[in-house]
Amino acid sequence: MPEKKTIVIVEDELEFAKVVKMRLEAVGYKVSIALDTYLGMREIVKTEPDLVILDLMMPAGGGLALLERLRNNPVTVTVPVVILTAKTVDEGIRQKAESLDVAYIFQKPYDSAKFVAKIMWLVPA
């Protein structure tokens, strides 16, 4: 049996992250949670996940700062990143995210079925 695909959720709202984790585990992913950008970078480098789900507004630096660090690290440069945020995504944020090769941006509240379908399309379980 092949090993499960791994996803790291970097999200400071633990209860929200647990719900996302539960939905992704239900369709076959192995999921871990990091509650800020510092812990997120550590977890991502340690686990070398198949995908990262990233919030933009977090302690220890914002999500875009973490995304820049991921893109500048040879271990994580090609890891697909999906943004899932409550922050209003204006044109400046969208352009910055696109320049850092973000796979997709979801705004909270989000359609969980579309979200899971997009994750499964990006990284089949």
PDB file of N, CA and C in Angstrom:
ATOM      1  N   MET A   1       0.855  -1.186   0.000  1.00  0.00           N
ATOM      2  CA  MET A   1       0.000   0.000   0.000  1.00  0.00           C
ATOM      3  C   MET A   1       0.900   1.248   0.000  1.00  0.00           C
ATOM      4  N   PRO A   2       0.663   2.183  -0.917  1.00  0.00           N
ATOM      5  CA  PRO A   2       1.508   3.385  -0.963  1.00  0.00           C
ATOM      6  C   PRO A   2       1.306   4.254   0.278  1.00  0.00           C
ATOM      7  N   GLU A   3       2.354   4.997   0.618  1.00  0.00           N
ATOM      8  CA  GLU A   3       2.278   5.883   1.775  1.00  0.00           C
ATOM      9  C   GLU A   3       1.319   7.032   1.484  1.00  0.00           C
ATOM     10  N   LYS A   4       0.604   7.463   2.519  1.00  0.00           N
ATOM     11  CA  LYS A   4      -0.339   8.572   2.356  1.00  0.00           C
ATOM     12  C   LYS A   4       0.394   9.851   2.013  1.00  0.00           C
ATOM     13  N   LYS A   5      -0.242  10.685   1.194  1.00  0.00           N
ATOM     14  CA  LYS A   5       0.298  12.011   0.894  1.00  0.00           C
ATOM     15  C   LYS A   5       0.171  12.860   2.152  1.00  0.00           C
ATOM     16  N   THR A   6       1.159  13.731   2.369  1.00  0.00           N
ATOM     17  CA  THR A   6       1.171  14.538   3.585  1.00  0.00           C
ATOM     18  C   THR A   6       0.874  16.004   3.284  1.00  0.00           C
ATOM     19  N   ILE A   7       0.168  16.607   4.224  1.00  0.00           N
ATOM     20  CA  ILE A   7      -0.196  18.021   4.139  1.00  0.00           C
ATOM     21  C   ILE A   7       0.131  18.665   5.479  1.00  0.00           C
ATOM     22  N   VAL A   8       0.719  19.855   5.426  1.00  0.00           N
ATOM     23  CA  VAL A   8       0.932  20.652   6.630  1.00  0.00           C
ATOM     24  C   VAL A   8       0.001  21.857   6.555  1.00  0.00           C
ATOM     25  N   ILE A   9      -0.789  22.057   7.603  1.00  0.00           N
ATOM     26  CA  ILE A   9      -1.661  23.226   7.727  1.00  0.00           C
ATOM     27  C   ILE A   9      -0.962  24.211   8.657  1.00  0.00           C
ATOM     28  N   VAL A  10      -0.708  25.427   8.170  1.00  0.00           N
ATOM     29  CA  VAL A  10      -0.118  26.467   9.002  1.00  0.00           C
ATOM     30  C   VAL A  10      -1.230  27.484   9.254  1.00  0.00           C
ATOM     31  N   GLU A  11      -1.778  27.420  10.457  1.00  0.00           N
ATOM     32  CA  GLU A  11      -3.001  28.157  10.811  1.00  0.00           C
ATOM     33  C   GLU A  11      -3.003  28.395  12.313  1.00  0.00           C
ATOM     34  N   ASP A  12      -3.198  29.647  12.737  1.00  0.00           N
ATOM     35  CA  ASP A  12      -3.141  29.957  14.166  1.00  0.00           C
ATOM     36  C   ASP A  12      -4.441  29.702  14.914  1.00  0.00           C
ATOM     37  N   GLU A  13      -5.529  29.444  14.222  1.00  0.00           N
ATOM     38  CA  GLU A  13      -6.801  29.127  14.877  1.00  0.00           C
ATOM     39  C   GLU A  13      -6.918  27.603  14.961  1.00  0.00           C
ATOM     40  N   LEU A  14      -6.566  27.055  16.117  1.00  0.00           N
ATOM     41  CA  LEU A  14      -6.475  25.606  16.273  1.00  0.00           C
ATOM     42  C   LEU A  14      -7.774  24.885  15.938  1.00  0.00           C
ATOM     43  N   GLU A  15      -8.905  25.360  16.421  1.00  0.00           N
ATOM     44  CA  GLU A  15     -10.166  24.660  16.169  1.00  0.00           C
ATOM     45  C   GLU A  15     -10.493  24.627  14.679  1.00  0.00           C
ATOM     46  N   PHE A  16     -10.241  25.735  13.991  1.00  0.00           N
ATOM     47  CA  PHE A  16     -10.458  25.778  12.543  1.00  0.00           C
ATOM     48  C   PHE A  16      -9.518  24.780  11.853  1.00  0.00           C
ATOM     49  N   ALA A  17      -8.251  24.783  12.254  1.00  0.00           N
ATOM     50  CA  ALA A  17      -7.269  23.879  11.651  1.00  0.00           C
ATOM     51  C   ALA A  17      -7.656  22.416  11.870  1.00  0.00           C
ATOM     52  N   LYS A  18      -8.201  22.103  13.047  1.00  0.00           N
ATOM     53  CA  LYS A  18      -8.630  20.734  13.334  1.00  0.00           C
ATOM     54  C   LYS A  18      -9.754  20.287  12.399  1.00  0.00           C
ATOM     55  N   VAL A  19     -10.668  21.194  12.090  1.00  0.00           N
ATOM     56  CA  VAL A  19     -11.776  20.871  11.179  1.00  0.00           C
ATOM     57  C   VAL A  19     -11.225  20.578   9.782  1.00  0.00           C
ATOM     58  N   VAL A  20     -10.315  21.431   9.306  1.00  0.00           N
ATOM     59  CA  VAL A  20      -9.707  21.221   7.989  1.00  0.00           C
ATOM     60  C   VAL A  20      -8.941  19.894   7.983  1.00  0.00           C
ATOM     61  N   LYS A  21      -8.195  19.643   9.044  1.00  0.00           N
ATOM     62  CA  LYS A  21      -7.428  18.392   9.165  1.00  0.00           C
ATOM     63  C   LYS A  21      -8.358  17.190   9.078  1.00  0.00           C
ATOM     64  N   MET A  22      -9.456  17.233   9.820  1.00  0.00           N
ATOM     65  CA  MET A  22     -10.406  16.130   9.844  1.00  0.00           C
ATOM     66  C   MET A  22     -10.970  15.866   8.441  1.00  0.00           C
ATOM     67  N   ARG A  23     -11.321  16.937   7.723  1.00  0.00           N
ATOM     68  CA  ARG A  23     -11.874  16.781   6.369  1.00  0.00           C
ATOM     69  C   ARG A  23     -10.850  16.130   5.434  1.00  0.00           C
ATOM     70  N   LEU A  24      -9.597  16.531   5.556  1.00  0.00           N
ATOM     71  CA  LEU A  24      -8.562  15.995   4.670  1.00  0.00           C
ATOM     72  C   LEU A  24      -8.178  14.565   5.049  1.00  0.00           C
ATOM     73  N   GLU A  25      -8.155  14.270   6.335  1.00  0.00           N
ATOM     74  CA  GLU A  25      -7.869  12.897   6.760  1.00  0.00           C
ATOM     75  C   GLU A  25      -8.976  11.949   6.312  1.00  0.00           C
ATOM     76  N   ALA A  26     -10.212  12.447   6.263  1.00  0.00           N
ATOM     77  CA  ALA A  26     -11.348  11.620   5.852  1.00  0.00           C
ATOM     78  C   ALA A  26     -11.230  11.154   4.403  1.00  0.00           C
ATOM     79  N   VAL A  27     -10.463  11.892   3.582  1.00  0.00           N
ATOM     80  CA  VAL A  27     -10.293  11.489   2.179  1.00  0.00           C
ATOM     81  C   VAL A  27      -8.901  10.900   1.920  1.00  0.00           C
ATOM     82  N   GLY A  28      -8.161  10.606   3.001  1.00  0.00           N
ATOM     83  CA  GLY A  28      -6.953   9.818   2.847  1.00  0.00           C
ATOM     84  C   GLY A  28      -5.610  10.492   3.015  1.00  0.00           C
ATOM     85  N   TYR A  29      -5.579  11.741   3.480  1.00  0.00           N
ATOM     86  CA  TYR A  29      -4.295  12.425   3.674  1.00  0.00           C
ATOM     87  C   TYR A  29      -3.781  12.255   5.101  1.00  0.00           C
ATOM     88  N   LYS A  30      -2.463  12.367   5.248  1.00  0.00           N
ATOM     89  CA  LYS A  30      -1.828  12.467   6.557  1.00  0.00           C
ATOM     90  C   LYS A  30      -1.596  13.960   6.775  1.00  0.00           C
ATOM     91  N   VAL A  31      -2.120  14.514   7.874  1.00  0.00           N
ATOM     92  CA  VAL A  31      -2.125  15.963   8.066  1.00  0.00           C
ATOM     93  C   VAL A  31      -1.522  16.333   9.414  1.00  0.00           C
ATOM     94  N   SER A  32      -0.671  17.371   9.404  1.00  0.00           N
ATOM     95  CA  SER A  32      -0.177  17.941  10.648  1.00  0.00           C
ATOM     96  C   SER A  32      -0.489  19.434  10.660  1.00  0.00           C
ATOM     97  N   ILE A  33      -0.496  19.996  11.866  1.00  0.00           N
ATOM     98  CA  ILE A  33      -0.852  21.403  12.070  1.00  0.00           C
ATOM     99  C   ILE A  33       0.309  22.124  12.736  1.00  0.00           C
ATOM    100  N   ALA A  34       0.593  23.328  12.258  1.00  0.00           N
ATOM    101  CA  ALA A  34       1.541  24.231  12.917  1.00  0.00           C
ATOM    102  C   ALA A  34       0.800  25.527  13.189  1.00  0.00           C
ATOM    103  N   LEU A  35       0.967  26.075  14.397  1.00  0.00           N
ATOM    104  CA  LEU A  35       0.144  27.205  14.821  1.00  0.00           C
ATOM    105  C   LEU A  35       0.740  28.588  14.559  1.00  0.00           C
ATOM    106  N   ASP A  36       1.930  28.665  14.012  1.00  0.00           N
ATOM    107  CA  ASP A  36       2.474  29.956  13.588  1.00  0.00           C
ATOM    108  C   ASP A  36       3.505  29.717  12.491  1.00  0.00           C
ATOM    109  N   THR A  37       4.043  30.785  11.932  1.00  0.00           N
ATOM    110  CA  THR A  37       4.942  30.633  10.792  1.00  0.00           C
ATOM    111  C   THR A  37       6.269  29.995  11.186  1.00  0.00           C
ATOM    112  N   TYR A  38       6.766  30.272  12.377  1.00  0.00           N
ATOM    113  CA  TYR A  38       8.016  29.663  12.834  1.00  0.00           C
ATOM    114  C   TYR A  38       7.855  28.142  12.927  1.00  0.00           C
ATOM    115  N   LEU A  39       6.817  27.703  13.638  1.00  0.00           N
ATOM    116  CA  LEU A  39       6.556  26.273  13.764  1.00  0.00           C
ATOM    117  C   LEU A  39       6.223  25.661  12.405  1.00  0.00           C
ATOM    118  N   GLY A  40       5.548  26.443  11.566  1.00  0.00           N
ATOM    119  CA  GLY A  40       5.213  25.980  10.223  1.00  0.00           C
ATOM    120  C   GLY A  40       6.449  25.658   9.411  1.00  0.00           C
ATOM    121  N   MET A  41       7.417  26.564   9.417  1.00  0.00           N
ATOM    122  CA  MET A  41       8.651  26.330   8.658  1.00  0.00           C
ATOM    123  C   MET A  41       9.373  25.089   9.184  1.00  0.00           C
ATOM    124  N   ARG A  42       9.433  24.955  10.503  1.00  0.00           N
ATOM    125  CA  ARG A  42      10.078  23.772  11.091  1.00  0.00           C
ATOM    126  C   ARG A  42       9.388  22.485  10.653  1.00  0.00           C
ATOM    127  N   GLU A  43       8.066  22.468  10.722  1.00  0.00           N
ATOM    128  CA  GLU A  43       7.294  21.269  10.374  1.00  0.00           C
ATOM    129  C   GLU A  43       7.424  20.947   8.878  1.00  0.00           C
ATOM    130  N   ILE A  44       7.404  21.970   8.053  1.00  0.00           N
ATOM    131  CA  ILE A  44       7.489  21.765   6.606  1.00  0.00           C
ATOM    132  C   ILE A  44       8.857  21.206   6.219  1.00  0.00           C
ATOM    133  N   VAL A  45       9.917  21.764   6.763  1.00  0.00           N
ATOM    134  CA  VAL A  45      11.261  21.276   6.449  1.00  0.00           C
ATOM    135  C   VAL A  45      11.444  19.849   6.982  1.00  0.00           C
ATOM    136  N   LYS A  46      10.884  19.580   8.169  1.00  0.00           N
ATOM    137  CA  LYS A  46      11.020  18.257   8.784  1.00  0.00           C
ATOM    138  C   LYS A  46      10.262  17.186   7.992  1.00  0.00           C
ATOM    139  N   THR A  47       9.021  17.474   7.605  1.00  0.00           N
ATOM    140  CA  THR A  47       8.175  16.441   6.994  1.00  0.00           C
ATOM    141  C   THR A  47       8.232  16.418   5.471  1.00  0.00           C
ATOM    142  N   GLU A  48       8.727  17.496   4.856  1.00  0.00           N
ATOM    143  CA  GLU A  48       8.737  17.606   3.393  1.00  0.00           C
ATOM    144  C   GLU A  48       7.383  17.184   2.815  1.00  0.00           C
ATOM    145  N   PRO A  49       6.322  17.933   3.129  1.00  0.00           N
ATOM    146  CA  PRO A  49       4.964  17.539   2.735  1.00  0.00           C
ATOM    147  C   PRO A  49       4.738  17.637   1.226  1.00  0.00           C
ATOM    148  N   ASP A  50       3.648  17.013   0.806  1.00  0.00           N
ATOM    149  CA  ASP A  50       3.243  17.078  -0.595  1.00  0.00           C
ATOM    150  C   ASP A  50       2.494  18.374  -0.898  1.00  0.00           C
ATOM    151  N   LEU A  51       1.983  19.037   0.165  1.00  0.00           N
ATOM    152  CA  LEU A  51       1.225  20.271  -0.001  1.00  0.00           C
ATOM    153  C   LEU A  51       1.212  21.028   1.321  1.00  0.00           C
ATOM    154  N   VAL A  52       1.153  22.359   1.242  1.00  0.00           N
ATOM    155  CA  VAL A  52       1.031  23.216   2.428  1.00  0.00           C
ATOM    156  C   VAL A  52      -0.233  24.049   2.278  1.00  0.00           C
ATOM    157  N   ILE A  53      -1.013  24.127   3.361  1.00  0.00           N
ATOM    158  CA  ILE A  53      -2.169  25.024   3.435  1.00  0.00           C
ATOM    159  C   ILE A  53      -1.764  26.133   4.387  1.00  0.00           C
ATOM    160  N   LEU A  54      -1.878  27.369   3.932  1.00  0.00           N
ATOM    161  CA  LEU A  54      -1.274  28.494   4.634  1.00  0.00           C
ATOM    162  C   LEU A  54      -2.278  29.614   4.869  1.00  0.00           C
ATOM    163  N   ASP A  55      -2.372  30.042   6.128  1.00  0.00           N
ATOM    164  CA  ASP A  55      -3.151  31.232   6.480  1.00  0.00           C
ATOM    165  C   ASP A  55      -2.246  32.444   6.262  1.00  0.00           C
ATOM    166  N   LEU A  56      -2.817  33.608   6.027  1.00  0.00           N
ATOM    167  CA  LEU A  56      -2.003  34.810   5.829  1.00  0.00           C
ATOM    168  C   LEU A  56      -1.753  35.574   7.117  1.00  0.00           C
ATOM    169  N   MET A  57      -2.738  35.592   8.037  1.00  0.00           N
ATOM    170  CA  MET A  57      -2.610  36.388   9.261  1.00  0.00           C
ATOM    171  C   MET A  57      -2.280  35.469  10.432  1.00  0.00           C
ATOM    172  N   MET A  58      -0.998  35.528  10.869  1.00  0.00           N
ATOM    173  CA  MET A  58      -0.557  34.649  11.948  1.00  0.00           C
ATOM    174  C   MET A  58       0.540  35.299  12.766  1.00  0.00           C
ATOM    175  N   PRO A  59       0.719  34.798  14.009  1.00  0.00           N
ATOM    176  CA  PRO A  59       1.857  35.258  14.806  1.00  0.00           C
ATOM    177  C   PRO A  59       3.176  34.757  14.203  1.00  0.00           C
ATOM    178  N   ALA A  60       4.265  35.354  14.635  1.00  0.00           N
ATOM    179  CA  ALA A  60       5.621  34.972  14.198  1.00  0.00           C
ATOM    180  C   ALA A  60       5.789  35.211  12.706  1.00  0.00           C
ATOM    181  N   GLY A  61       5.246  36.309  12.212  1.00  0.00           N
ATOM    182  CA  GLY A  61       5.353  36.643  10.792  1.00  0.00           C
ATOM    183  C   GLY A  61       4.119  36.183  10.059  1.00  0.00           C
ATOM    184  N   GLY A  62       3.781  36.852   8.996  1.00  0.00           N
ATOM    185  CA  GLY A  62       2.586  36.498   8.232  1.00  0.00           C
ATOM    186  C   GLY A  62       2.842  35.367   7.254  1.00  0.00           C
ATOM    187  N   GLY A  63       1.755  34.911   6.663  1.00  0.00           N
ATOM    188  CA  GLY A  63       1.824  33.808   5.725  1.00  0.00           C
ATOM    189  C   GLY A  63       2.650  34.110   4.485  1.00  0.00           C
ATOM    190  N   LEU A  64       2.580  35.348   3.991  1.00  0.00           N
ATOM    191  CA  LEU A  64       3.369  35.674   2.801  1.00  0.00           C
ATOM    192  C   LEU A  64       4.865  35.637   3.102  1.00  0.00           C
ATOM    193  N   ALA A  65       5.261  36.033   4.310  1.00  0.00           N
ATOM    194  CA  ALA A  65       6.671  35.949   4.699  1.00  0.00           C
ATOM    195  C   ALA A  65       7.118  34.488   4.739  1.00  0.00           C
ATOM    196  N   LEU A  66       6.271  33.614   5.266  1.00  0.00           N
ATOM    197  CA  LEU A  66       6.598  32.189   5.287  1.00  0.00           C
ATOM    198  C   LEU A  66       6.679  31.655   3.856  1.00  0.00           C
ATOM    199  N   LEU A  67       5.762  32.072   3.019  1.00  0.00           N
ATOM    200  CA  LEU A  67       5.769  31.627   1.630  1.00  0.00           C
ATOM    201  C   LEU A  67       7.079  32.028   0.941  1.00  0.00           C
ATOM    202  N   GLU A  68       7.548  33.238   1.200  1.00  0.00           N
ATOM    203  CA  GLU A  68       8.838  33.660   0.639  1.00  0.00           C
ATOM    204  C   GLU A  68       9.965  32.754   1.123  1.00  0.00           C
ATOM    205  N   ARG A  69       9.963  32.417   2.413  1.00  0.00           N
ATOM    206  CA  ARG A  69      10.998  31.529   2.945  1.00  0.00           C
ATOM    207  C   ARG A  69      10.915  30.143   2.307  1.00  0.00           C
ATOM    208  N   LEU A  70       9.702  29.651   2.082  1.00  0.00           N
ATOM    209  CA  LEU A  70       9.538  28.348   1.436  1.00  0.00           C
ATOM    210  C   LEU A  70      10.118  28.372   0.021  1.00  0.00           C
ATOM    211  N   ARG A  71       9.859  29.441  -0.701  1.00  0.00           N
ATOM    212  CA  ARG A  71      10.325  29.539  -2.085  1.00  0.00           C
ATOM    213  C   ARG A  71      11.835  29.763  -2.182  1.00  0.00           C
ATOM    214  N   ASN A  72      12.453  30.242  -1.105  1.00  0.00           N
ATOM    215  CA  ASN A  72      13.898  30.455  -1.094  1.00  0.00           C
ATOM    216  C   ASN A  72      14.670  29.284  -0.499  1.00  0.00           C
ATOM    217  N   ASN A  73      13.978  28.222  -0.104  1.00  0.00           N
ATOM    218  CA  ASN A  73      14.612  27.055   0.506  1.00  0.00           C
ATOM    219  C   ASN A  73      14.606  25.914  -0.523  1.00  0.00           C
ATOM    220  N   PRO A  74      15.770  25.344  -0.859  1.00  0.00           N
ATOM    221  CA  PRO A  74      15.814  24.294  -1.877  1.00  0.00           C
ATOM    222  C   PRO A  74      14.963  23.063  -1.539  1.00  0.00           C
ATOM    223  N   VAL A  75      14.730  22.805  -0.262  1.00  0.00           N
ATOM    224  CA  VAL A  75      13.921  21.653   0.146  1.00  0.00           C
ATOM    225  C   VAL A  75      12.437  21.886  -0.132  1.00  0.00           C
ATOM    226  N   THR A  76      11.998  23.148  -0.066  1.00  0.00           N
ATOM    227  CA  THR A  76      10.557  23.447  -0.142  1.00  0.00           C
ATOM    228  C   THR A  76      10.155  24.286  -1.360  1.00  0.00           C
ATOM    229  N   VAL A  77      11.090  24.590  -2.222  1.00  0.00           N
ATOM    230  CA  VAL A  77      10.823  25.518  -3.326  1.00  0.00           C
ATOM    231  C   VAL A  77       9.678  25.059  -4.238  1.00  0.00           C
ATOM    232  N   THR A  78       9.506  23.753  -4.405  1.00  0.00           N
ATOM    233  CA  THR A  78       8.490  23.255  -5.336  1.00  0.00           C
ATOM    234  C   THR A  78       7.229  22.726  -4.655  1.00  0.00           C
ATOM    235  N   VAL A  79       7.146  22.814  -3.324  1.00  0.00           N
ATOM    236  CA  VAL A  79       5.967  22.306  -2.614  1.00  0.00           C
ATOM    237  C   VAL A  79       4.755  23.181  -2.960  1.00  0.00           C
ATOM    238  N   PRO A  80       3.665  22.580  -3.449  1.00  0.00           N
ATOM    239  CA  PRO A  80       2.467  23.372  -3.734  1.00  0.00           C
ATOM    240  C   PRO A  80       1.910  24.003  -2.455  1.00  0.00           C
ATOM    241  N   VAL A  81       1.465  25.258  -2.575  1.00  0.00           N
ATOM    242  CA  VAL A  81       0.902  25.980  -1.439  1.00  0.00           C
ATOM    243  C   VAL A  81      -0.483  26.488  -1.813  1.00  0.00           C
ATOM    244  N   VAL A  82      -1.442  26.240  -0.920  1.00  0.00           N
ATOM    245  CA  VAL A  82      -2.799  26.762  -1.050  1.00  0.00           C
ATOM    246  C   VAL A  82      -3.008  27.720   0.111  1.00  0.00           C
ATOM    247  N   ILE A  83      -3.433  28.926  -0.188  1.00  0.00           N
ATOM    248  CA  ILE A  83      -3.749  29.904   0.857  1.00  0.00           C
ATOM    249  C   ILE A  83      -5.209  29.747   1.238  1.00  0.00           C
ATOM    250  N   LEU A  84      -5.461  29.719   2.552  1.00  0.00           N
ATOM    251  CA  LEU A  84      -6.814  29.666   3.105  1.00  0.00           C
ATOM    252  C   LEU A  84      -6.861  30.731   4.191  1.00  0.00           C
ATOM    253  N   THR A  85      -7.521  31.847   3.913  1.00  0.00           N
ATOM    254  CA  THR A  85      -7.407  33.004   4.803  1.00  0.00           C
ATOM    255  C   THR A  85      -8.724  33.752   4.971  1.00  0.00           C
ATOM    256  N   ALA A  86      -8.848  34.438   6.102  1.00  0.00           N
ATOM    257  CA  ALA A  86      -9.985  35.333   6.340  1.00  0.00           C
ATOM    258  C   ALA A  86      -9.655  36.744   5.856  1.00  0.00           C
ATOM    259  N   LYS A  87      -8.373  36.996   5.617  1.00  0.00           N
ATOM    260  CA  LYS A  87      -7.934  38.312   5.162  1.00  0.00           C
ATOM    261  C   LYS A  87      -8.517  38.604   3.781  1.00  0.00           C
ATOM    262  N   THR A  88      -8.924  39.834   3.571  1.00  0.00           N
ATOM    263  CA  THR A  88      -9.399  40.233   2.250  1.00  0.00           C
ATOM    264  C   THR A  88      -8.223  40.175   1.286  1.00  0.00           C
ATOM    265  N   VAL A  89      -8.399  39.419   0.226  1.00  0.00           N
ATOM    266  CA  VAL A  89      -7.317  39.235  -0.748  1.00  0.00           C
ATOM    267  C   VAL A  89      -7.484  40.300  -1.834  1.00  0.00           C
ATOM    268  N   ASP A  90      -6.721  41.389  -1.674  1.00  0.00           N
ATOM    269  CA  ASP A  90      -6.769  42.448  -2.679  1.00  0.00           C
ATOM    270  C   ASP A  90      -5.801  42.127  -3.814  1.00  0.00           C
ATOM    271  N   GLU A  91      -5.752  42.986  -4.803  1.00  0.00           N
ATOM    272  CA  GLU A  91      -4.918  42.742  -5.981  1.00  0.00           C
ATOM    273  C   GLU A  91      -3.439  42.639  -5.615  1.00  0.00           C
ATOM    274  N   GLY A  92      -2.979  43.451  -4.660  1.00  0.00           N
ATOM    275  CA  GLY A  92      -1.584  43.404  -4.237  1.00  0.00           C
ATOM    276  C   GLY A  92      -1.217  42.058  -3.636  1.00  0.00           C
ATOM    277  N   ILE A  93      -2.071  41.545  -2.764  1.00  0.00           N
ATOM    278  CA  ILE A  93      -1.826  40.235  -2.147  1.00  0.00           C
ATOM    279  C   ILE A  93      -1.882  39.149  -3.217  1.00  0.00           C
ATOM    280  N   ARG A  94      -2.870  39.232  -4.105  1.00  0.00           N
ATOM    281  CA  ARG A  94      -3.013  38.232  -5.167  1.00  0.00           C
ATOM    282  C   ARG A  94      -1.761  38.200  -6.049  1.00  0.00           C
ATOM    283  N   GLN A  95      -1.270  39.381  -6.437  1.00  0.00           N
ATOM    284  CA  GLN A  95      -0.082  39.438  -7.295  1.00  0.00           C
ATOM    285  C   GLN A  95       1.138  38.887  -6.571  1.00  0.00           C
ATOM    286  N   LYS A  96       1.291  39.229  -5.298  1.00  0.00           N
ATOM    287  CA  LYS A  96       2.419  38.727  -4.508  1.00  0.00           C
ATOM    288  C   LYS A  96       2.346  37.206  -4.409  1.00  0.00           C
ATOM    289  N   ALA A  97       1.160  36.692  -4.114  1.00  0.00           N
ATOM    290  CA  ALA A  97       0.977  35.245  -3.988  1.00  0.00           C
ATOM    291  C   ALA A  97       1.273  34.548  -5.320  1.00  0.00           C
ATOM    292  N   GLU A  98       0.779  35.107  -6.407  1.00  0.00           N
ATOM    293  CA  GLU A  98       1.027  34.515  -7.725  1.00  0.00           C
ATOM    294  C   GLU A  98       2.510  34.550  -8.074  1.00  0.00           C
ATOM    295  N   SER A  99       3.200  35.630  -7.702  1.00  0.00           N
ATOM    296  CA  SER A  99       4.633  35.722  -7.994  1.00  0.00           C
ATOM    297  C   SER A  99       5.422  34.677  -7.199  1.00  0.00           C
ATOM    298  N   LEU A 100       4.840  34.205  -6.098  1.00  0.00           N
ATOM    299  CA  LEU A 100       5.471  33.173  -5.271  1.00  0.00           C
ATOM    300  C   LEU A 100       4.892  31.790  -5.573  1.00  0.00           C
ATOM    301  N   ASP A 101       4.201  31.681  -6.697  1.00  0.00           N
ATOM    302  CA  ASP A 101       3.719  30.404  -7.225  1.00  0.00           C
ATOM    303  C   ASP A 101       2.714  29.699  -6.314  1.00  0.00           C
ATOM    304  N   VAL A 102       1.737  30.456  -5.803  1.00  0.00           N
ATOM    305  CA  VAL A 102       0.661  29.854  -5.011  1.00  0.00           C
ATOM    306  C   VAL A 102      -0.270  29.100  -5.953  1.00  0.00           C
ATOM    307  N   ALA A 103      -0.647  27.888  -5.563  1.00  0.00           N
ATOM    308  CA  ALA A 103      -1.502  27.062  -6.400  1.00  0.00           C
ATOM    309  C   ALA A 103      -2.937  27.578  -6.438  1.00  0.00           C
ATOM    310  N   TYR A 104      -3.439  28.082  -5.292  1.00  0.00           N
ATOM    311  CA  TYR A 104      -4.829  28.536  -5.229  1.00  0.00           C
ATOM    312  C   TYR A 104      -5.026  29.363  -3.963  1.00  0.00           C
ATOM    313  N   ILE A 105      -5.987  30.266  -4.001  1.00  0.00           N
ATOM    314  CA  ILE A 105      -6.334  31.079  -2.831  1.00  0.00           C
ATOM    315  C   ILE A 105      -7.814  30.870  -2.519  1.00  0.00           C
ATOM    316  N   PHE A 106      -8.092  30.467  -1.279  1.00  0.00           N
ATOM    317  CA  PHE A 106      -9.464  30.357  -0.775  1.00  0.00           C
ATOM    318  C   PHE A 106      -9.644  31.387   0.325  1.00  0.00           C
ATOM    319  N   GLN A 107     -10.792  32.061   0.322  1.00  0.00           N
ATOM    320  CA  GLN A 107     -11.118  32.989   1.406  1.00  0.00           C
ATOM    321  C   GLN A 107     -12.150  32.362   2.317  1.00  0.00           C
ATOM    322  N   LYS A 108     -11.955  32.565   3.650  1.00  0.00           N
ATOM    323  CA  LYS A 108     -12.928  32.118   4.648  1.00  0.00           C
ATOM    324  C   LYS A 108     -14.071  33.127   4.668  1.00  0.00           C
ATOM    325  N   PRO A 109     -15.300  32.712   4.824  1.00  0.00           N
ATOM    326  CA  PRO A 109     -15.736  31.322   4.838  1.00  0.00           C
ATOM    327  C   PRO A 109     -15.563  30.713   3.442  1.00  0.00           C
ATOM    328  N   TYR A 110     -15.328  29.424   3.395  1.00  0.00           N
ATOM    329  CA  TYR A 110     -15.022  28.766   2.138  1.00  0.00           C
ATOM    330  C   TYR A 110     -15.945  27.572   1.938  1.00  0.00           C
ATOM    331  N   ASP A 111     -16.060  27.132   0.697  1.00  0.00           N
ATOM    332  CA  ASP A 111     -16.863  25.969   0.351  1.00  0.00           C
ATOM    333  C   ASP A 111     -15.978  24.740   0.564  1.00  0.00           C
ATOM    334  N   SER A 112     -16.271  23.964   1.609  1.00  0.00           N
ATOM    335  CA  SER A 112     -15.385  22.859   1.970  1.00  0.00           C
ATOM    336  C   SER A 112     -15.314  21.789   0.882  1.00  0.00           C
ATOM    337  N   ALA A 113     -16.406  21.548   0.166  1.00  0.00           N
ATOM    338  CA  ALA A 113     -16.386  20.542  -0.900  1.00  0.00           C
ATOM    339  C   ALA A 113     -15.461  20.984  -2.036  1.00  0.00           C
ATOM    340  N   LYS A 114     -15.547  22.255  -2.433  1.00  0.00           N
ATOM    341  CA  LYS A 114     -14.661  22.772  -3.483  1.00  0.00           C
ATOM    342  C   LYS A 114     -13.213  22.774  -3.010  1.00  0.00           C
ATOM    343  N   PHE A 115     -13.005  23.110  -1.743  1.00  0.00           N
ATOM    344  CA  PHE A 115     -11.663  23.136  -1.169  1.00  0.00           C
ATOM    345  C   PHE A 115     -11.031  21.745  -1.220  1.00  0.00           C
ATOM    346  N   VAL A 116     -11.734  20.741  -0.721  1.00  0.00           N
ATOM    347  CA  VAL A 116     -11.210  19.374  -0.721  1.00  0.00           C
ATOM    348  C   VAL A 116     -10.997  18.887  -2.153  1.00  0.00           C
ATOM    349  N   ALA A 117     -11.923  19.213  -3.039  1.00  0.00           N
ATOM    350  CA  ALA A 117     -11.773  18.803  -4.444  1.00  0.00           C
ATOM    351  C   ALA A 117     -10.513  19.420  -5.066  1.00  0.00           C
ATOM    352  N   LYS A 118     -10.237  20.679  -4.760  1.00  0.00           N
ATOM    353  CA  LYS A 118      -9.042  21.344  -5.289  1.00  0.00           C
ATOM    354  C   LYS A 118      -7.784  20.697  -4.723  1.00  0.00           C
ATOM    355  N   ILE A 119      -7.777  20.388  -3.437  1.00  0.00           N
ATOM    356  CA  ILE A 119      -6.624  19.729  -2.825  1.00  0.00           C
ATOM    357  C   ILE A 119      -6.400  18.381  -3.497  1.00  0.00           C
ATOM    358  N   MET A 120      -7.469  17.626  -3.690  1.00  0.00           N
ATOM    359  CA  MET A 120      -7.360  16.298  -4.301  1.00  0.00           C
ATOM    360  C   MET A 120      -6.891  16.395  -5.756  1.00  0.00           C
ATOM    361  N   TRP A 121      -7.239  17.463  -6.428  1.00  0.00           N
ATOM    362  CA  TRP A 121      -6.780  17.668  -7.801  1.00  0.00           C
ATOM    363  C   TRP A 121      -5.281  18.001  -7.812  1.00  0.00           C
ATOM    364  N   LEU A 122      -4.862  18.850  -6.871  1.00  0.00           N
ATOM    365  CA  LEU A 122      -3.449  19.238  -6.809  1.00  0.00           C
ATOM    366  C   LEU A 122      -2.552  18.083  -6.385  1.00  0.00           C
ATOM    367  N   VAL A 123      -2.995  17.335  -5.372  1.00  0.00           N
ATOM    368  CA  VAL A 123      -2.198  16.238  -4.823  1.00  0.00           C
ATOM    369  C   VAL A 123      -3.144  15.057  -4.587  1.00  0.00           C
ATOM    370  N   PRO A 124      -3.321  14.216  -5.586  1.00  0.00           N
ATOM    371  CA  PRO A 124      -4.242  13.073  -5.403  1.00  0.00           C
ATOM    372  C   PRO A 124      -3.834  12.222  -4.205  1.00  0.00           C
ATOM    373  N   ALA A 125      -4.823  11.882  -3.377  1.00  0.00           N
ATOM    374  CA  ALA A 125      -4.553  11.115  -2.142  1.00  0.00           C
ATOM    375  C   ALA A 125      -4.086   9.705  -2.457  1.00  0.00           C
TER     376      ALA A 125
END
